Amino acid sequence: MSKNFSFAPRLMQASAASHYLGMSESKLLELARQGHFGRKECGGNRLFDIRDLDAFADSLKYEGEEKWRTTEAADAAFGIAAE
């Protein structure tokens, strides 16, 4: 039976965790094997902790982040004068 929650549960199976992060289950498991985040065990179930998933997502760089090291460079690119 499928359950719908109005909130994300603290511990999730791989299918729910991959949906939460917006990636395939195989990519989630590959990242876990590479040590980006761990799994917890409870009664034979391997579960992902939402806090670990959030920390992983927070650690990802934004696209193009490498280009802009300071706000001055971004301001100059958009023609905003420094004060």
C-alpha atoms as a PDB file:
ATOM      1  CA  MET A   1       0.000   0.000   0.000  1.00  0.00           C
ATOM      2  CA  SER A   2       1.313   3.431  -0.961  1.00  0.00           C
ATOM      3  CA  LYS A   3       1.395   6.176   1.647  1.00  0.00           C
ATOM      4  CA  ASN A   4       1.335   9.892   0.961  1.00  0.00           C
ATOM      5  CA  PHE A   5       2.883  12.210   3.516  1.00  0.00           C
ATOM      6  CA  SER A   6       2.414  15.954   3.775  1.00  0.00           C
ATOM      7  CA  PHE A   7       6.032  16.012   4.954  1.00  0.00           C
ATOM      8  CA  ALA A   8       9.203  14.150   4.057  1.00  0.00           C
ATOM      9  CA  PRO A   9       9.925  11.372   6.573  1.00  0.00           C
ATOM     10  CA  ARG A  10      13.240  11.578   8.432  1.00  0.00           C
ATOM     11  CA  LEU A  11      14.443   8.176   7.138  1.00  0.00           C
ATOM     12  CA  MET A  12      13.716   7.066   3.586  1.00  0.00           C
ATOM     13  CA  GLN A  13      14.254   4.062   1.390  1.00  0.00           C
ATOM     14  CA  ALA A  14      16.302   4.576  -1.770  1.00  0.00           C
ATOM     15  CA  SER A  15      13.298   5.172  -4.018  1.00  0.00           C
ATOM     16  CA  ALA A  16      11.951   7.992  -1.817  1.00  0.00           C
ATOM     17  CA  ALA A  17      15.431   9.456  -1.201  1.00  0.00           C
ATOM     18  CA  SER A  18      16.190   9.601  -4.924  1.00  0.00           C
ATOM     19  CA  HIS A  19      12.832  11.280  -5.558  1.00  0.00           C
ATOM     20  CA  TYR A  20      13.557  13.773  -2.755  1.00  0.00           C
ATOM     21  CA  LEU A  21      16.890  14.717  -4.382  1.00  0.00           C
ATOM     22  CA  GLY A  22      15.463  14.679  -7.893  1.00  0.00           C
ATOM     23  CA  MET A  23      17.755  11.998  -9.297  1.00  0.00           C
ATOM     24  CA  SER A  24      17.549   8.380 -10.342  1.00  0.00           C
ATOM     25  CA  GLU A  25      17.804   5.657  -7.759  1.00  0.00           C
ATOM     26  CA  SER A  26      20.897   4.245  -9.484  1.00  0.00           C
ATOM     27  CA  LYS A  27      22.637   7.659  -9.249  1.00  0.00           C
ATOM     28  CA  LEU A  28      21.709   7.906  -5.555  1.00  0.00           C
ATOM     29  CA  LEU A  29      23.162   4.460  -4.836  1.00  0.00           C
ATOM     30  CA  GLU A  30      26.300   5.281  -6.844  1.00  0.00           C
ATOM     31  CA  LEU A  31      26.844   8.466  -4.806  1.00  0.00           C
ATOM     32  CA  ALA A  32      26.301   6.497  -1.575  1.00  0.00           C
ATOM     33  CA  ARG A  33      28.904   3.911  -2.671  1.00  0.00           C
ATOM     34  CA  GLN A  34      31.327   6.759  -3.385  1.00  0.00           C
ATOM     35  CA  GLY A  35      30.888   7.963   0.205  1.00  0.00           C
ATOM     36  CA  HIS A  36      28.975  11.204  -0.417  1.00  0.00           C
ATOM     37  CA  PHE A  37      26.463  10.146   2.246  1.00  0.00           C
ATOM     38  CA  GLY A  38      25.771   7.023   4.226  1.00  0.00           C
ATOM     39  CA  ARG A  39      22.821   4.809   4.991  1.00  0.00           C
ATOM     40  CA  LYS A  40      21.443   3.789   8.343  1.00  0.00           C
ATOM     41  CA  GLU A  41      20.257   0.294   9.150  1.00  0.00           C
ATOM     42  CA  CYS A  42      17.082  -0.501  11.048  1.00  0.00           C
ATOM     43  CA  GLY A  43      15.694  -4.026  11.154  1.00  0.00           C
ATOM     44  CA  GLY A  44      17.448  -5.015   7.949  1.00  0.00           C
ATOM     45  CA  ASN A  45      16.273  -1.897   6.106  1.00  0.00           C
ATOM     46  CA  ARG A  46      18.893   0.439   4.684  1.00  0.00           C
ATOM     47  CA  LEU A  47      17.585   3.969   4.985  1.00  0.00           C
ATOM     48  CA  PHE A  48      18.797   7.415   4.013  1.00  0.00           C
ATOM     49  CA  ASP A  49      18.598  10.221   6.567  1.00  0.00           C
ATOM     50  CA  ILE A  50      17.029  13.406   5.218  1.00  0.00           C
ATOM     51  CA  ARG A  51      19.653  15.453   7.100  1.00  0.00           C
ATOM     52  CA  ASP A  52      22.459  13.706   5.197  1.00  0.00           C
ATOM     53  CA  LEU A  53      20.628  14.244   1.908  1.00  0.00           C
ATOM     54  CA  ASP A  54      20.145  17.938   2.691  1.00  0.00           C
ATOM     55  CA  ALA A  55      23.824  18.326   3.637  1.00  0.00           C
ATOM     56  CA  PHE A  56      24.839  16.685   0.354  1.00  0.00           C
ATOM     57  CA  ALA A  57      22.537  18.959  -1.664  1.00  0.00           C
ATOM     58  CA  ASP A  58      23.813  22.024   0.215  1.00  0.00           C
ATOM     59  CA  SER A  59      27.427  21.063  -0.561  1.00  0.00           C
ATOM     60  CA  LEU A  60      26.871  21.074  -4.331  1.00  0.00           C
ATOM     61  CA  LYS A  61      28.172  24.074  -6.230  1.00  0.00           C
ATOM     62  CA  TYR A  62      25.858  26.225  -8.253  1.00  0.00           C
ATOM     63  CA  GLU A  63      26.295  26.124 -12.011  1.00  0.00           C
ATOM     64  CA  GLY A  64      28.724  28.881 -12.997  1.00  0.00           C
ATOM     65  CA  GLU A  65      29.851  29.462  -9.410  1.00  0.00           C
ATOM     66  CA  GLU A  66      33.499  29.132 -10.394  1.00  0.00           C
ATOM     67  CA  LYS A  67      33.282  32.168 -12.721  1.00  0.00           C
ATOM     68  CA  TRP A  68      32.278  34.665 -10.058  1.00  0.00           C
ATOM     69  CA  ARG A  69      34.732  34.781  -7.199  1.00  0.00           C
ATOM     70  CA  THR A  70      33.638  38.201  -5.935  1.00  0.00           C
ATOM     71  CA  THR A  71      30.555  40.341  -6.219  1.00  0.00           C
ATOM     72  CA  GLU A  72      32.696  43.059  -7.838  1.00  0.00           C
ATOM     73  CA  ALA A  73      33.221  40.891 -10.936  1.00  0.00           C
ATOM     74  CA  ALA A  74      29.508  40.199 -11.204  1.00  0.00           C
ATOM     75  CA  ASP A  75      28.665  43.880 -10.656  1.00  0.00           C
ATOM     76  CA  ALA A  76      31.065  44.913 -13.422  1.00  0.00           C
ATOM     77  CA  ALA A  77      29.595  42.322 -15.806  1.00  0.00           C
ATOM     78  CA  PHE A  78      26.131  43.774 -15.278  1.00  0.00           C
ATOM     79  CA  GLY A  79      27.269  47.405 -15.374  1.00  0.00           C
ATOM     80  CA  ILE A  80      26.617  48.124 -11.715  1.00  0.00           C
ATOM     81  CA  ALA A  81      28.964  50.792 -10.379  1.00  0.00           C
ATOM     82  CA  ALA A  82      30.792  50.107  -7.120  1.00  0.00           C
ATOM     83  CA  GLU A  83      29.944  52.449  -4.266  1.00  0.00           C
END
